[in-house]
N, C-alpha and C. Protein backbone atom coordinates (compact mmCIF):
# COMPACT_ATOMS: atom_id res chain seq x y z
N MET A 1 -23.88 -29.94 -1.30
CA MET A 1 -23.25 -28.24 -1.16
C MET A 1 -23.55 -27.97 0.22
N TYR A 2 -24.16 -28.32 0.72
CA TYR A 2 -24.63 -27.48 2.26
C TYR A 2 -23.40 -28.19 3.19
N SER A 3 -22.44 -29.20 3.05
CA SER A 3 -21.77 -29.88 3.70
C SER A 3 -20.21 -28.99 3.62
N VAL A 4 -20.20 -28.44 2.05
CA VAL A 4 -19.11 -27.98 1.95
C VAL A 4 -19.15 -26.68 2.20
N ILE A 5 -20.42 -25.95 1.98
CA ILE A 5 -20.07 -24.78 2.65
C ILE A 5 -20.25 -24.97 4.15
N SER A 6 -20.66 -25.67 4.84
CA SER A 6 -20.34 -25.74 6.27
C SER A 6 -19.27 -25.62 6.67
N SER A 7 -18.39 -26.94 6.10
CA SER A 7 -16.92 -26.86 6.21
C SER A 7 -16.05 -25.92 5.88
N ILE A 8 -16.30 -25.07 5.07
CA ILE A 8 -16.12 -23.53 4.54
C ILE A 8 -16.14 -22.79 5.72
N SER A 9 -17.27 -22.46 6.03
CA SER A 9 -17.74 -21.73 7.08
C SER A 9 -16.87 -22.14 8.32
N LEU A 10 -16.79 -23.28 8.62
CA LEU A 10 -15.95 -23.79 10.01
C LEU A 10 -14.44 -23.76 9.67
N PHE A 11 -14.10 -23.57 8.56
CA PHE A 11 -12.27 -23.37 8.64
C PHE A 11 -12.32 -21.90 8.82
N VAL A 12 -13.37 -21.35 8.26
CA VAL A 12 -13.16 -19.72 7.97
C VAL A 12 -13.00 -19.24 9.71
N LEU A 13 -13.91 -19.79 10.56
CA LEU A 13 -13.71 -19.65 11.73
C LEU A 13 -12.94 -19.96 12.95
N ILE A 14 -12.25 -21.04 12.57
CA ILE A 14 -11.35 -21.38 13.04
C ILE A 14 -10.10 -21.15 12.99
N PHE A 15 -10.06 -20.43 11.76
CA PHE A 15 -8.40 -20.05 11.04
C PHE A 15 -8.84 -18.37 11.87
N GLN A 16 -9.88 -17.90 11.84
CA GLN A 16 -9.95 -16.35 12.60
C GLN A 16 -9.56 -16.62 13.80
N PHE A 17 -9.99 -17.30 14.59
CA PHE A 17 -9.73 -17.06 16.01
C PHE A 17 -8.42 -18.03 16.48
N THR A 18 -7.43 -18.56 15.17
CA THR A 18 -6.43 -19.11 15.65
C THR A 18 -5.16 -18.64 14.62
N SER A 19 -4.37 -18.11 16.04
CA SER A 19 -3.30 -16.96 15.34
C SER A 19 -2.08 -17.76 15.18
N GLY A 20 -1.84 -18.99 15.65
CA GLY A 20 -0.65 -19.48 15.85
C GLY A 20 -0.40 -20.58 14.51
N LEU A 21 0.69 -20.94 14.00
CA LEU A 21 0.96 -21.87 12.96
C LEU A 21 2.23 -22.48 13.30
N TYR A 22 2.70 -23.33 12.51
CA TYR A 22 4.03 -24.08 12.58
C TYR A 22 4.23 -24.18 10.81
N PHE A 23 6.00 -24.10 10.47
CA PHE A 23 6.14 -24.55 9.23
C PHE A 23 7.66 -25.18 9.20
N HIS A 24 8.35 -25.71 8.42
CA HIS A 24 9.38 -26.57 7.93
C HIS A 24 10.04 -25.21 6.76
N ILE A 25 11.38 -25.21 7.75
CA ILE A 25 12.33 -24.32 6.91
C ILE A 25 13.60 -24.95 6.77
N GLY A 26 14.35 -24.78 5.50
CA GLY A 26 15.70 -25.69 5.21
C GLY A 26 16.94 -24.71 5.42
N GLU A 27 18.02 -25.00 5.33
CA GLU A 27 19.26 -24.40 5.59
C GLU A 27 18.89 -22.95 4.86
N THR A 28 18.82 -22.72 3.72
CA THR A 28 18.76 -21.66 3.09
C THR A 28 17.49 -21.01 2.64
N GLU A 29 16.58 -21.35 3.65
CA GLU A 29 14.80 -20.99 2.66
C GLU A 29 14.84 -19.97 3.23
N ARG A 30 13.85 -19.27 3.17
CA ARG A 30 13.23 -17.67 3.93
C ARG A 30 11.55 -17.93 3.46
N LYS A 31 11.20 -17.87 4.67
CA LYS A 31 10.02 -17.22 4.85
C LYS A 31 9.16 -16.22 5.68
N CYS A 32 8.27 -15.68 4.64
CA CYS A 32 7.75 -14.40 4.96
C CYS A 32 6.20 -14.48 4.83
N PHE A 33 6.05 -13.40 5.61
CA PHE A 33 4.32 -13.42 5.94
C PHE A 33 3.79 -12.39 5.93
N ILE A 34 2.89 -11.78 5.23
CA ILE A 34 2.55 -10.32 5.22
C ILE A 34 0.87 -10.31 6.35
N GLU A 35 1.42 -9.41 7.23
CA GLU A 35 0.26 -8.93 8.54
C GLU A 35 -0.17 -6.91 8.11
N GLU A 36 -1.71 -7.10 7.46
CA GLU A 36 -1.85 -5.50 7.60
C GLU A 36 -2.69 -5.52 8.97
N VAL A 37 -1.71 -4.54 9.32
CA VAL A 37 -1.61 -3.62 10.20
C VAL A 37 -2.21 -2.46 10.28
N PRO A 38 -3.42 -1.48 11.09
CA PRO A 38 -3.43 -0.29 11.05
C PRO A 38 -2.38 0.51 11.32
N ASP A 39 -2.46 2.10 11.65
CA ASP A 39 -1.66 2.91 11.72
C ASP A 39 -1.09 3.13 13.10
N GLU A 40 -0.08 3.15 14.00
CA GLU A 40 0.20 3.34 15.51
C GLU A 40 -0.28 1.86 16.50
N THR A 41 0.06 0.51 15.59
CA THR A 41 -0.62 -0.52 16.06
C THR A 41 0.43 -1.54 16.61
N THR A 42 0.92 -1.72 17.58
CA THR A 42 1.55 -2.67 18.40
C THR A 42 1.54 -4.29 17.66
N VAL A 43 2.56 -5.00 17.54
CA VAL A 43 2.61 -6.32 16.65
C VAL A 43 3.48 -6.75 17.75
N LEU A 44 3.26 -8.36 18.07
CA LEU A 44 3.63 -9.36 18.73
C LEU A 44 4.01 -10.69 18.52
N VAL A 45 5.21 -11.18 17.81
CA VAL A 45 5.76 -11.64 17.17
C VAL A 45 6.21 -13.25 17.75
N ASN A 46 6.07 -14.27 18.25
CA ASN A 46 6.51 -14.98 19.24
C ASN A 46 6.84 -16.45 18.26
N TYR A 47 7.96 -16.95 18.48
CA TYR A 47 8.33 -17.83 17.87
C TYR A 47 9.30 -19.12 18.55
N ARG A 48 9.22 -20.31 18.27
CA ARG A 48 9.97 -21.46 19.37
C ARG A 48 10.34 -22.27 17.85
N VAL A 49 11.86 -22.47 17.71
CA VAL A 49 12.72 -23.32 16.85
C VAL A 49 12.90 -24.97 17.34
N GLU A 50 12.37 -25.71 16.77
CA GLU A 50 12.73 -27.19 16.84
C GLU A 50 13.17 -27.88 15.69
N LEU A 51 14.52 -28.35 16.00
CA LEU A 51 15.71 -29.16 15.05
C LEU A 51 15.04 -31.24 14.72
N HIS A 52 14.95 -30.96 13.56
CA HIS A 52 14.66 -32.39 13.05
C HIS A 52 15.60 -33.33 13.55
N ASP A 53 15.14 -34.64 14.40
CA ASP A 53 15.92 -35.65 15.03
C ASP A 53 15.76 -36.78 13.79
N PRO A 54 17.09 -36.99 13.29
CA PRO A 54 16.93 -38.15 12.43
C PRO A 54 16.35 -39.55 12.64
N ARG A 55 16.95 -39.81 13.73
CA ARG A 55 16.79 -40.81 14.62
C ARG A 55 15.30 -41.65 14.69
N THR A 56 14.57 -40.18 15.01
CA THR A 56 13.42 -40.33 14.92
C THR A 56 12.24 -40.26 14.61
N GLY A 57 12.85 -39.30 13.62
CA GLY A 57 12.41 -38.79 12.52
C GLY A 57 11.00 -37.54 13.28
N GLY A 58 10.78 -37.42 14.41
CA GLY A 58 10.18 -36.06 14.84
C GLY A 58 11.36 -34.65 14.88
N PHE A 59 10.85 -33.94 15.98
CA PHE A 59 11.37 -32.43 16.33
C PHE A 59 11.70 -32.54 17.78
N MET A 60 12.85 -31.93 18.06
CA MET A 60 13.05 -31.89 19.28
C MET A 60 13.94 -30.55 20.13
N LYS A 61 14.32 -29.80 20.89
CA LYS A 61 14.19 -28.48 21.10
C LYS A 61 15.72 -28.69 20.39
N SER A 62 15.79 -27.16 19.70
CA SER A 62 17.17 -27.03 19.14
C SER A 62 17.94 -26.45 20.12
N SER A 63 19.62 -26.73 19.52
CA SER A 63 20.67 -26.55 20.53
C SER A 63 20.58 -24.94 20.64
N ALA A 64 21.36 -24.15 21.28
CA ALA A 64 21.92 -22.78 21.96
C ALA A 64 22.33 -21.86 20.43
N GLY A 65 23.26 -22.60 19.74
CA GLY A 65 23.75 -22.53 18.73
C GLY A 65 22.83 -22.31 17.59
N ILE A 66 21.65 -22.57 17.05
CA ILE A 66 20.82 -22.11 16.53
C ILE A 66 19.95 -21.11 16.45
N GLY A 67 19.60 -20.07 15.85
CA GLY A 67 18.77 -19.12 15.84
C GLY A 67 18.17 -18.49 14.74
N MET A 68 16.88 -17.22 14.85
CA MET A 68 16.70 -16.96 13.78
C MET A 68 16.65 -15.56 13.37
N HIS A 69 17.12 -15.24 12.11
CA HIS A 69 17.46 -13.96 11.37
C HIS A 69 16.13 -13.20 11.45
N VAL A 70 15.40 -12.49 11.96
CA VAL A 70 13.85 -11.80 11.70
C VAL A 70 13.79 -10.65 11.32
N GLU A 71 13.52 -10.15 10.37
CA GLU A 71 13.50 -8.80 9.42
C GLU A 71 12.06 -8.46 8.78
N VAL A 72 11.36 -7.37 9.60
CA VAL A 72 10.39 -6.70 9.19
C VAL A 72 10.23 -5.38 8.61
N LYS A 73 9.33 -5.79 7.25
CA LYS A 73 9.43 -4.17 6.45
C LYS A 73 8.04 -3.57 6.32
N ASP A 74 8.23 -2.30 6.26
CA ASP A 74 6.88 -1.68 6.59
C ASP A 74 6.48 -1.44 5.03
N PRO A 75 4.75 -0.68 4.72
CA PRO A 75 4.60 -0.82 3.50
C PRO A 75 5.25 -0.06 2.09
N ASP A 76 6.21 0.38 2.91
CA ASP A 76 7.32 1.52 1.85
C ASP A 76 8.26 0.63 1.63
N MET A 77 8.26 -0.78 2.33
CA MET A 77 9.65 -1.62 1.72
C MET A 77 10.73 -1.40 2.68
N LYS A 78 10.51 -0.23 3.47
CA LYS A 78 11.52 0.06 4.23
C LYS A 78 12.19 -0.77 5.78
N THR A 79 13.18 -1.31 5.89
CA THR A 79 13.09 -2.16 7.06
C THR A 79 13.39 -1.16 8.41
N ILE A 80 12.31 -1.65 9.35
CA ILE A 80 11.94 -1.49 10.62
C ILE A 80 12.53 -2.28 11.31
N LEU A 81 13.26 -3.77 11.22
CA LEU A 81 13.73 -4.18 12.62
C LEU A 81 14.34 -5.39 11.56
N SER A 82 15.93 -5.58 11.95
CA SER A 82 16.55 -6.58 11.30
C SER A 82 17.83 -6.88 12.31
N ARG A 83 17.60 -8.19 13.01
CA ARG A 83 18.34 -8.94 13.82
C ARG A 83 18.55 -10.00 14.12
N VAL A 84 19.37 -10.95 14.83
CA VAL A 84 19.45 -12.16 14.65
C VAL A 84 18.69 -12.54 16.24
N TYR A 85 18.03 -13.70 16.43
CA TYR A 85 17.60 -13.59 17.62
C TYR A 85 18.24 -15.47 18.10
N SER A 86 17.72 -15.81 19.07
CA SER A 86 18.24 -16.98 19.55
C SER A 86 16.82 -18.10 18.82
N SER A 87 17.08 -19.32 19.40
CA SER A 87 16.31 -20.27 18.92
C SER A 87 14.55 -20.18 19.75
N GLU A 88 14.32 -19.43 20.60
CA GLU A 88 13.07 -18.72 21.16
C GLU A 88 12.66 -17.63 21.52
N GLY A 89 11.98 -16.98 21.16
CA GLY A 89 11.96 -15.68 21.12
C GLY A 89 10.32 -14.83 21.33
N ARG A 90 10.88 -13.43 21.33
CA ARG A 90 9.50 -12.67 21.57
C ARG A 90 9.69 -11.33 21.15
N ILE A 91 9.76 -10.66 19.83
CA ILE A 91 9.89 -9.66 18.74
C ILE A 91 8.53 -8.54 18.78
N SER A 92 8.52 -7.31 19.18
CA SER A 92 7.64 -6.55 18.97
C SER A 92 7.75 -5.35 18.27
N PHE A 93 6.69 -4.72 17.86
CA PHE A 93 7.11 -3.43 16.94
C PHE A 93 6.01 -2.80 17.02
N THR A 94 6.34 -1.73 16.40
CA THR A 94 5.13 -0.57 16.37
C THR A 94 4.76 -0.17 14.99
N SER A 95 3.61 -0.29 14.41
CA SER A 95 3.42 0.68 12.83
C SER A 95 3.64 1.70 13.20
N HIS A 96 4.30 2.39 12.02
CA HIS A 96 3.91 3.97 11.93
C HIS A 96 3.38 4.44 10.71
N VAL A 97 3.38 3.10 9.93
CA VAL A 97 2.81 3.81 8.69
C VAL A 97 1.57 2.42 8.33
N PRO A 98 0.40 3.06 8.35
CA PRO A 98 -1.00 1.55 7.63
C PRO A 98 -0.25 1.09 6.38
N GLY A 99 -0.60 -0.47 6.58
CA GLY A 99 -0.78 -1.22 5.67
C GLY A 99 -0.13 -2.68 5.93
N GLU A 100 0.35 -3.27 4.72
CA GLU A 100 0.73 -4.82 5.03
C GLU A 100 2.46 -4.29 5.20
N HIS A 101 2.34 -5.29 6.38
CA HIS A 101 3.62 -5.04 6.51
C HIS A 101 4.59 -6.70 6.53
N VAL A 102 5.87 -6.96 6.30
CA VAL A 102 6.49 -8.07 5.72
C VAL A 102 7.01 -8.77 6.93
N ILE A 103 7.10 -9.75 7.32
CA ILE A 103 8.27 -10.38 8.55
C ILE A 103 8.31 -11.41 7.78
N CYS A 104 9.50 -11.74 7.90
CA CYS A 104 10.73 -12.71 6.97
C CYS A 104 11.35 -13.30 8.13
N LEU A 105 11.40 -14.52 8.30
CA LEU A 105 12.52 -15.37 9.40
C LEU A 105 13.34 -16.23 7.95
N TYR A 106 14.14 -16.33 8.57
CA TYR A 106 15.46 -17.44 7.85
C TYR A 106 16.56 -17.70 9.01
N SER A 107 17.24 -19.16 8.73
CA SER A 107 18.28 -19.32 9.81
C SER A 107 19.80 -18.61 9.75
N ASN A 108 20.13 -18.42 10.68
CA ASN A 108 21.30 -18.18 10.72
C ASN A 108 22.28 -19.46 10.23
N SER A 109 22.24 -19.29 9.11
CA SER A 109 23.02 -20.52 8.56
C SER A 109 24.22 -21.40 8.62
N THR A 110 25.22 -20.66 9.29
CA THR A 110 26.90 -20.56 9.67
C THR A 110 26.37 -21.98 10.77
N LYS A 111 25.64 -22.11 11.49
CA LYS A 111 25.31 -23.14 12.72
C LYS A 111 24.75 -24.17 12.54
N TRP A 112 24.87 -24.34 11.15
CA TRP A 112 23.90 -25.70 10.70
C TRP A 112 24.52 -26.59 10.79
N ILE A 113 24.27 -28.03 10.98
CA ILE A 113 25.10 -28.82 10.31
C ILE A 113 24.32 -29.85 9.54
N GLY A 114 24.99 -30.09 8.58
CA GLY A 114 24.29 -30.96 7.27
C GLY A 114 23.44 -30.81 6.99
N GLY A 115 22.58 -29.99 6.76
CA GLY A 115 21.12 -28.95 6.31
C GLY A 115 20.29 -29.65 6.90
N THR A 116 19.91 -29.41 8.57
CA THR A 116 18.90 -30.39 9.22
C THR A 116 17.54 -29.43 9.02
N GLN A 117 16.76 -30.18 8.95
CA GLN A 117 15.15 -29.45 8.56
C GLN A 117 15.14 -29.07 10.18
N LEU A 118 14.46 -27.68 10.36
CA LEU A 118 13.82 -26.73 11.42
C LEU A 118 12.63 -26.68 11.28
N ARG A 119 11.68 -27.02 12.49
CA ARG A 119 10.45 -26.64 12.16
C ARG A 119 10.42 -25.45 13.44
N VAL A 120 9.43 -24.11 12.70
CA VAL A 120 9.22 -22.93 13.23
C VAL A 120 7.89 -22.81 13.81
N HIS A 121 7.43 -22.68 14.90
CA HIS A 121 6.53 -22.79 15.64
C HIS A 121 6.15 -20.84 15.70
N LEU A 122 5.44 -20.64 15.23
CA LEU A 122 4.84 -18.93 15.07
C LEU A 122 3.44 -18.54 15.54
N ASN A 123 4.01 -17.24 16.06
CA ASN A 123 2.65 -16.86 16.30
C ASN A 123 2.68 -15.35 16.45
N ILE A 124 1.63 -14.80 15.49
CA ILE A 124 1.53 -13.41 15.31
C ILE A 124 0.38 -12.67 16.03
N GLN A 125 0.48 -11.58 17.25
CA GLN A 125 -0.59 -11.15 17.59
C GLN A 125 -0.60 -9.42 17.11
N VAL A 126 -1.64 -9.17 16.79
CA VAL A 126 -1.89 -7.92 17.02
C VAL A 126 -2.63 -7.15 17.67
N GLY A 127 -2.39 -5.70 17.99
CA GLY A 127 -2.95 -4.69 18.72
C GLY A 127 -3.27 -5.15 19.99
N GLU A 128 -4.61 -4.79 20.00
CA GLU A 128 -5.18 -5.33 22.11
C GLU A 128 -4.82 -6.79 22.36
N HIS A 129 -4.80 -7.96 21.16
CA HIS A 129 -4.44 -9.59 21.60
C HIS A 129 -2.58 -8.92 22.09
N THR A 130 -1.62 -7.99 22.07
CA THR A 130 -0.80 -8.08 22.40
C THR A 130 -0.61 -7.83 23.83
N ILE A 131 -1.66 -7.40 24.42
CA ILE A 131 -1.92 -7.05 26.03
C ILE A 131 -2.05 -8.17 26.95
N ASP A 132 -0.78 -7.97 27.62
CA ASP A 132 -1.32 -9.60 28.92
C ASP A 132 -2.35 -8.76 30.26
N TYR A 133 -3.63 -8.69 30.01
CA TYR A 133 -4.22 -8.05 30.84
C TYR A 133 -3.99 -8.42 32.51
N ALA A 134 -3.53 -9.86 32.54
CA ALA A 134 -3.12 -10.41 34.14
C ALA A 134 -2.42 -9.47 35.02
N ASN A 135 -1.24 -9.30 33.65
CA ASN A 135 -0.14 -8.35 34.11
C ASN A 135 -0.49 -7.11 34.28
N VAL A 136 -1.44 -6.56 33.47
CA VAL A 136 -1.73 -5.10 33.81
C VAL A 136 -2.30 -4.55 35.17
N ALA A 137 -3.34 -6.11 35.38
CA ALA A 137 -4.17 -5.97 36.70
C ALA A 137 -3.47 -6.47 37.84
N GLN A 138 -2.33 -6.89 37.57
CA GLN A 138 -1.27 -6.94 39.01
C GLN A 138 -0.71 -5.73 39.10
N LYS A 139 0.23 -5.27 38.04
CA LYS A 139 0.91 -4.03 38.17
C LYS A 139 -0.20 -2.85 38.87
N GLU A 140 -1.42 -2.52 38.13
CA GLU A 140 -1.98 -1.44 38.41
C GLU A 140 -3.08 -1.68 39.15
N LYS A 141 -3.23 -2.55 39.88
CA LYS A 141 -3.97 -3.10 41.15
C LYS A 141 -5.34 -2.52 40.53
N LEU A 142 -6.42 -3.41 39.63
CA LEU A 142 -7.04 -3.34 39.23
C LEU A 142 -8.14 -4.12 39.57
N SER A 143 -9.48 -3.86 39.81
CA SER A 143 -10.08 -4.70 40.05
C SER A 143 -10.99 -5.73 38.78
N ASP A 144 -11.95 -6.48 38.94
CA ASP A 144 -11.90 -7.15 37.96
C ASP A 144 -13.23 -6.06 36.84
N LEU A 145 -13.97 -5.19 37.31
CA LEU A 145 -14.56 -4.36 36.66
C LEU A 145 -13.94 -3.27 35.96
N GLN A 146 -12.87 -2.87 36.97
CA GLN A 146 -11.73 -1.90 36.13
C GLN A 146 -10.93 -2.47 34.85
N LEU A 147 -10.83 -3.67 35.18
CA LEU A 147 -9.98 -4.53 34.08
C LEU A 147 -10.78 -4.71 33.31
N ARG A 148 -11.99 -4.80 32.97
CA ARG A 148 -12.98 -5.57 31.63
C ARG A 148 -13.53 -3.95 31.27
N MET A 149 -12.93 -3.01 31.79
CA MET A 149 -12.96 -1.77 31.32
C MET A 149 -12.23 -1.11 30.34
N ARG A 150 -11.22 -1.16 31.08
CA ARG A 150 -9.59 -1.26 30.30
C ARG A 150 -9.90 -2.37 28.79
N GLN A 151 -9.87 -3.66 28.82
CA GLN A 151 -10.10 -4.23 27.70
C GLN A 151 -11.45 -3.86 27.02
N LEU A 152 -12.38 -3.43 27.31
CA LEU A 152 -13.18 -3.10 26.35
C LEU A 152 -13.01 -1.17 25.54
N LEU A 153 -12.07 -0.63 26.62
CA LEU A 153 -11.37 0.56 25.83
C LEU A 153 -10.79 0.39 25.23
N ASP A 154 -9.84 -0.81 25.12
CA ASP A 154 -8.53 -1.22 24.23
C ASP A 154 -9.32 -1.26 22.76
N GLN A 155 -10.46 -2.43 22.87
CA GLN A 155 -11.03 -3.29 21.92
C GLN A 155 -11.70 -1.89 21.08
N VAL A 156 -12.56 -0.96 21.47
CA VAL A 156 -12.89 0.24 20.81
C VAL A 156 -11.94 1.05 20.11
N GLU A 157 -10.61 1.12 21.13
CA GLU A 157 -9.81 1.76 20.28
C GLU A 157 -8.79 1.13 18.87
N ALA A 158 -9.28 -0.13 19.04
CA ALA A 158 -8.46 -1.15 18.31
C ALA A 158 -9.52 -0.82 16.52
N ILE A 159 -11.01 -1.12 17.24
CA ILE A 159 -12.03 -0.74 16.23
C ILE A 159 -11.83 0.31 15.63
N THR A 160 -11.41 1.56 16.35
CA THR A 160 -11.57 3.05 15.20
C THR A 160 -10.22 2.62 14.45
N LYS A 161 -9.11 2.15 15.18
CA LYS A 161 -8.23 1.90 14.08
C LYS A 161 -8.51 0.85 12.91
N GLU A 162 -8.78 0.28 13.21
CA GLU A 162 -9.01 -0.66 11.98
C GLU A 162 -10.27 0.11 11.19
N GLN A 163 -11.06 0.64 11.37
CA GLN A 163 -12.17 1.33 10.47
C GLN A 163 -11.51 2.39 10.08
N ASN A 164 -10.34 3.22 10.70
CA ASN A 164 -9.57 4.07 10.11
C ASN A 164 -8.77 3.27 8.56
N TYR A 165 -8.17 2.48 9.01
CA TYR A 165 -7.57 1.81 8.29
C TYR A 165 -8.43 0.89 6.66
N GLN A 166 -9.51 0.44 7.12
CA GLN A 166 -10.27 0.28 5.86
C GLN A 166 -11.13 1.61 5.01
N ARG A 167 -10.93 2.94 6.03
CA ARG A 167 -11.00 3.98 4.89
C ARG A 167 -9.98 4.20 4.22
N TYR A 168 -8.50 4.05 4.84
CA TYR A 168 -7.04 4.81 4.09
C TYR A 168 -7.19 3.35 2.94
N ARG A 169 -7.52 2.45 2.98
CA ARG A 169 -7.53 1.35 1.89
C ARG A 169 -8.61 1.78 0.99
N GLU A 170 -10.22 1.84 0.88
CA GLU A 170 -10.73 2.61 0.11
C GLU A 170 -10.36 3.70 -0.76
N GLU A 171 -9.84 4.50 0.08
CA GLU A 171 -9.45 5.90 -0.13
C GLU A 171 -8.28 5.52 -1.23
N ARG A 172 -7.16 4.82 -0.95
CA ARG A 172 -5.98 3.98 -1.90
C ARG A 172 -6.87 2.78 -3.28
N PHE A 173 -7.85 2.83 -3.43
CA PHE A 173 -8.45 1.90 -3.92
C PHE A 173 -9.02 2.93 -5.18
N ARG A 174 -9.56 4.10 -4.53
CA ARG A 174 -10.46 4.94 -5.25
C ARG A 174 -9.01 5.52 -6.02
N GLN A 175 -8.34 5.81 -5.62
CA GLN A 175 -7.30 6.41 -6.38
C GLN A 175 -6.74 5.81 -7.26
N THR A 176 -6.39 4.20 -7.10
CA THR A 176 -5.99 3.37 -8.53
C THR A 176 -7.01 3.29 -8.92
N SER A 177 -8.42 3.05 -8.78
CA SER A 177 -9.44 3.02 -9.84
C SER A 177 -9.52 3.87 -10.56
N GLU A 178 -9.03 5.66 -10.26
CA GLU A 178 -9.77 6.30 -10.72
C GLU A 178 -8.16 6.46 -12.10
N SER A 179 -6.91 6.07 -11.56
CA SER A 179 -5.87 6.43 -12.22
C SER A 179 -5.95 5.26 -13.61
N THR A 180 -5.89 3.67 -13.04
CA THR A 180 -6.64 3.39 -14.54
C THR A 180 -7.21 3.62 -15.05
N ASN A 181 -8.60 3.97 -14.73
CA ASN A 181 -9.78 4.71 -15.77
C ASN A 181 -8.68 5.50 -16.45
N GLN A 182 -8.44 6.62 -16.12
CA GLN A 182 -7.76 7.23 -16.94
C GLN A 182 -6.77 6.85 -18.07
N ARG A 183 -5.87 6.23 -17.09
CA ARG A 183 -4.63 5.35 -18.39
C ARG A 183 -5.74 4.71 -19.62
N VAL A 184 -6.86 3.92 -19.06
CA VAL A 184 -7.09 3.30 -20.32
C VAL A 184 -8.22 4.45 -20.90
N PHE A 185 -8.51 5.33 -20.37
CA PHE A 185 -9.41 6.32 -21.45
C PHE A 185 -8.40 7.24 -22.22
N TRP A 186 -7.09 7.18 -22.22
CA TRP A 186 -6.07 8.19 -22.77
C TRP A 186 -5.35 6.73 -23.65
N TRP A 187 -5.16 5.80 -23.63
CA TRP A 187 -4.95 4.33 -24.43
C TRP A 187 -5.81 4.41 -25.68
N SER A 188 -7.22 4.50 -25.15
CA SER A 188 -8.24 4.42 -26.33
C SER A 188 -8.02 5.67 -27.19
N ILE A 189 -7.57 6.89 -26.86
CA ILE A 189 -7.72 7.55 -27.55
C ILE A 189 -6.03 7.73 -28.17
N ALA A 190 -5.22 7.07 -27.61
CA ALA A 190 -3.83 6.38 -28.36
C ALA A 190 -4.39 5.92 -29.42
N GLN A 191 -5.12 4.96 -29.32
CA GLN A 191 -5.41 3.68 -30.40
C GLN A 191 -5.99 4.36 -31.51
N LEU A 192 -6.95 5.20 -31.16
CA LEU A 192 -7.72 5.62 -32.15
C LEU A 192 -7.37 6.62 -32.89
N VAL A 193 -6.15 7.36 -32.09
CA VAL A 193 -5.30 8.37 -33.33
C VAL A 193 -4.43 7.68 -34.22
N ILE A 194 -4.01 6.66 -33.74
CA ILE A 194 -2.91 5.83 -34.60
C ILE A 194 -3.59 4.80 -35.29
N LEU A 195 -4.85 4.79 -35.19
CA LEU A 195 -5.92 3.71 -36.43
C LEU A 195 -6.14 5.24 -37.45
N ILE A 196 -6.60 6.21 -37.07
CA ILE A 196 -6.92 7.37 -37.81
C ILE A 196 -5.71 7.56 -38.87
N ALA A 197 -4.26 7.71 -38.01
CA ALA A 197 -3.20 8.21 -38.93
C ALA A 197 -2.66 7.31 -39.83
N MET A 198 -3.12 5.57 -39.75
CA MET A 198 -2.87 4.59 -40.64
C MET A 198 -3.33 4.43 -41.40
N GLY A 199 -5.06 4.73 -40.97
CA GLY A 199 -6.23 4.68 -42.01
C GLY A 199 -5.58 5.92 -43.33
N THR A 200 -5.21 6.90 -43.08
CA THR A 200 -5.03 8.40 -43.48
C THR A 200 -3.82 7.53 -44.36
N TRP A 201 -3.12 6.88 -44.09
CA TRP A 201 -1.59 6.86 -44.54
C TRP A 201 -1.60 6.17 -45.45
N GLN A 202 -2.45 4.74 -45.20
CA GLN A 202 -2.65 3.96 -46.35
C GLN A 202 -3.43 4.34 -47.53
N MET A 203 -4.74 5.37 -47.25
CA MET A 203 -5.20 5.99 -48.42
C MET A 203 -4.41 6.59 -49.28
N ARG A 204 -3.60 7.52 -48.86
CA ARG A 204 -2.51 8.39 -49.40
C ARG A 204 -1.49 7.39 -50.01
N HIS A 205 -1.16 6.12 -49.53
CA HIS A 205 -0.36 5.24 -50.65
C HIS A 205 -0.79 4.69 -51.47
N LEU A 206 -2.07 4.34 -51.16
CA LEU A 206 -2.97 3.63 -52.49
C LEU A 206 -2.99 4.76 -53.48
N LYS A 207 -3.42 5.82 -53.11
CA LYS A 207 -3.89 6.71 -54.20
C LYS A 207 -2.29 7.15 -54.86
N SER A 208 -1.20 7.03 -54.38
CA SER A 208 -0.40 7.34 -55.40
C SER A 208 0.26 6.23 -56.11
N PHE A 209 -0.30 4.91 -55.41
CA PHE A 209 0.11 3.71 -55.86
C PHE A 209 -0.79 3.65 -57.48
N PHE A 210 -1.49 3.91 -57.30
CA PHE A 210 -2.90 3.94 -58.44
C PHE A 210 -2.20 5.02 -59.90
N GLU A 211 -1.85 6.13 -58.92
CA GLU A 211 -1.57 7.21 -59.63
C GLU A 211 -0.63 7.10 -60.57
N ALA A 212 0.50 6.46 -59.92
CA ALA A 212 2.05 5.43 -60.35
C ALA A 212 1.22 4.72 -61.41
N LYS A 213 0.55 3.62 -61.23
CA LYS A 213 -0.05 2.66 -62.30
C LYS A 213 -0.88 3.40 -63.39
N LYS A 214 -1.00 4.71 -63.13
CA LYS A 214 -1.81 5.31 -64.26
C LYS A 214 -3.17 4.46 -64.22
N LEU A 215 -4.22 4.36 -63.13
CA LEU A 215 -5.07 3.95 -63.12
C LEU A 215 -6.26 5.01 -62.64
N VAL A 216 -5.49 6.27 -62.07
CA VAL A 216 -6.34 7.20 -61.80
C VAL A 216 -6.60 8.19 -62.09
């Protein structure tokens, strides 16, 4: 039991600090990922496509004709980004509504030959993880201490946004719970009214039946 708990804890720690992954995609397949993003937060998506090599059974760098169509929708399912990119690219967008953003990728299938399988390497970064601090230090000529202070300020801002987002989720959950409780209450009242009506109707029906049979 202890080994199972240790394995699960190790997996959670590894998954928490690892944002890169890869997946296989077919010619007509569409892969979507859900990312919970606070309000006014930058999201950076890096991807790289590899083409299946039937001779070796592995994957090689894809040709220039193969690209990926990237589509991003906000929590209201409004499309905030939709365009075709090359076989390797970097996409960034800023959230204006807190909540679950859906990031979908699929191939420009007109460039495919024989339904070849693709391997897509994907890396999604959110918030301060999207900032290249080495580039910032070089452009703004910051010392190590100034750069560290900049990182701490960005982390504090990210924590504040995350806390605001959690409060937003709690408020939405409370509203959903209250709405559900209210619906359950009125449904119970409706059931009670229906039972009383059915009971009254049955009593009257039985009474009229017995009167018709001259038993009452």
